Amino acid sequence: VQLQASGGGLVRPGGSLTLSCAASGFTVDYYAIGWFRQAPGKGREAVSCFSNYDGSTYYSDSVKGRFTISKDGAKSTVYLQMNSLKPEDTAVYYCGAARGSLTAAQAMEVIMHPSASWGQGTQLTVSS
């Protein structure tokens, strides 16, 4: 199971950007895929997750209404559409996967567990 996050960059406040999480060695249709982020000097923060088990989605309060998670099973890729970006969204964004009969919220906990593994993150900087 390998995941690669990409699509980060420098965006002005209020702008939009879409991150991609490409899976290799497995299909995203059988996993929950989630995003979390880590800002300099801060701990990991859950962002969003999608569960194929029950179709549920999870969004943290800080991104709800601004971010949208989606998937393209044919491309084994999960996307995070980010709108109305704020400077506090600045962080390295990572994606992770969890398999099992998990809701999106449950999968988010698994993905963020210290024993979990994830690929290289992608840097988002929101600044004027």
Protein backbone atom coordinates (compact mmCIF):
# COMPACT_ATOMS: atom_id res chain seq x y z
CA VAL A 1 0.00 0.00 0.00
CA GLN A 2 1.59 3.23 -1.14
CA LEU A 3 0.12 6.69 -1.23
CA GLN A 4 1.57 9.83 -2.72
CA ALA A 5 0.18 13.27 -1.97
CA SER A 6 0.71 16.06 -4.47
CA GLY A 7 -0.65 19.36 -5.66
CA GLY A 8 0.51 21.69 -2.93
CA GLY A 9 1.79 25.18 -3.55
CA LEU A 10 1.57 28.85 -2.67
CA VAL A 11 -1.94 30.33 -2.68
CA ARG A 12 -3.28 33.71 -1.67
CA PRO A 13 -5.88 33.91 1.09
CA GLY A 14 -9.31 33.24 -0.33
CA GLY A 15 -7.88 31.15 -3.12
CA SER A 16 -8.47 27.53 -4.05
CA LEU A 17 -6.35 24.48 -4.66
CA THR A 18 -6.89 20.77 -5.16
CA LEU A 19 -4.63 18.14 -3.62
CA SER A 20 -4.33 14.64 -5.02
CA CYS A 21 -3.59 11.38 -3.24
CA ALA A 22 -2.57 8.66 -5.68
CA ALA A 23 -2.69 5.06 -4.53
CA SER A 24 -0.47 2.34 -5.91
CA GLY A 25 -0.68 -1.35 -5.22
CA PHE A 26 -4.33 -1.18 -4.24
CA THR A 27 -7.60 0.35 -5.27
CA VAL A 28 -9.13 3.15 -3.26
CA ASP A 29 -12.57 1.55 -3.69
CA TYR A 30 -11.80 -0.86 -0.82
CA TYR A 31 -10.23 1.56 1.60
CA ALA A 32 -11.08 4.64 3.58
CA ILE A 33 -8.79 7.44 2.49
CA GLY A 34 -8.15 10.44 4.65
CA TRP A 35 -6.19 13.65 4.81
CA PHE A 36 -4.45 15.17 7.78
CA ARG A 37 -2.03 18.04 8.09
CA GLN A 38 0.83 19.23 10.23
CA ALA A 39 1.87 22.82 10.59
CA PRO A 40 5.35 23.82 11.80
CA GLY A 41 5.67 23.28 15.53
CA LYS A 42 2.22 21.72 15.81
CA GLY A 43 0.83 18.21 16.02
CA ARG A 44 -1.08 16.30 13.39
CA GLU A 45 -4.57 17.58 12.70
CA ALA A 46 -7.31 15.56 11.04
CA VAL A 47 -8.75 17.24 7.97
CA SER A 48 -11.07 14.96 6.01
CA CYS A 49 -11.81 11.33 5.27
CA PHE A 50 -13.99 9.26 2.95
CA SER A 51 -15.23 5.78 3.79
CA ASN A 52 -16.20 3.31 1.11
CA TYR A 53 -17.71 1.07 3.80
CA ASP A 54 -20.73 3.27 4.43
CA GLY A 55 -20.12 6.22 2.12
CA SER A 56 -19.64 8.58 5.04
CA THR A 57 -17.37 11.58 5.04
CA TYR A 58 -15.59 13.36 7.83
CA TYR A 59 -14.51 17.00 7.96
CA SER A 60 -12.88 18.78 10.83
CA ASP A 61 -14.69 21.86 12.08
CA SER A 62 -11.86 24.03 10.82
CA VAL A 63 -12.40 23.01 7.18
CA LYS A 64 -16.09 22.12 7.08
CA GLY A 65 -17.87 24.01 4.33
CA ARG A 66 -14.59 24.93 2.62
CA PHE A 67 -12.98 21.59 1.76
CA THR A 68 -14.48 18.71 -0.23
CA ILE A 69 -13.12 15.19 -0.47
CA SER A 70 -13.80 13.04 -3.52
CA LYS A 71 -12.42 10.00 -5.27
CA ASP A 72 -11.83 8.67 -8.75
CA GLY A 73 -11.78 4.90 -8.44
CA ALA A 74 -10.62 4.41 -12.01
CA LYS A 75 -7.53 6.49 -11.27
CA SER A 76 -7.13 5.18 -7.70
CA THR A 77 -6.92 8.78 -6.62
CA VAL A 78 -8.59 10.78 -3.88
CA TYR A 79 -8.84 14.54 -4.12
CA LEU A 80 -9.16 17.32 -1.58
CA GLN A 81 -10.71 20.43 -3.07
CA MET A 82 -9.86 23.39 -0.88
CA ASN A 83 -11.69 26.70 -1.21
CA SER A 84 -11.60 29.96 0.74
CA LEU A 85 -8.12 29.16 1.95
CA LYS A 86 -6.81 30.87 5.05
CA PRO A 87 -3.26 31.41 6.33
CA GLU A 88 -4.00 28.95 9.13
CA ASP A 89 -4.45 26.23 6.50
CA THR A 90 -0.72 26.43 5.88
CA ALA A 91 0.76 22.99 6.62
CA VAL A 92 2.17 19.85 5.11
CA TYR A 93 -0.75 17.71 4.00
CA TYR A 94 -0.58 13.93 4.11
CA CYS A 95 -2.95 11.21 3.01
CA GLY A 96 -3.42 7.79 4.53
CA ALA A 97 -5.56 4.70 4.11
CA ALA A 98 -7.48 2.40 6.40
CA ARG A 99 -9.17 -0.88 5.53
CA GLY A 100 -12.08 -2.43 7.32
CA SER A 101 -15.67 -1.77 8.29
CA LEU A 102 -14.97 1.75 9.42
CA THR A 103 -16.92 4.95 9.21
CA ALA A 104 -15.02 7.99 7.99
CA ALA A 105 -14.55 9.28 11.53
CA GLN A 106 -13.27 5.90 12.73
CA ALA A 107 -10.94 5.59 9.75
CA MET A 108 -9.55 9.05 10.45
CA GLU A 109 -8.38 7.86 13.87
CA VAL A 110 -6.70 4.81 12.36
CA ILE A 111 -4.99 6.87 9.70
CA MET A 112 -3.61 9.33 12.24
CA HIS A 113 -2.45 6.70 14.72
CA PRO A 114 1.30 7.00 15.48
CA SER A 115 1.87 3.45 14.21
CA ALA A 116 0.32 4.19 10.83
CA SER A 117 2.47 4.83 7.79
CA TRP A 118 1.94 7.41 5.09
CA GLY A 119 3.80 8.74 2.14
CA GLN A 120 5.51 12.01 1.56
CA GLY A 121 3.29 14.98 2.17
CA THR A 122 2.71 18.05 0.07
CA GLN A 123 3.25 21.60 1.30
CA LEU A 124 0.45 24.16 1.19
CA THR A 125 1.30 27.75 1.96
CA VAL A 126 -1.46 30.34 2.16
CA SER A 127 0.01 33.80 2.17
CA SER A 128 -0.37 37.17 0.50
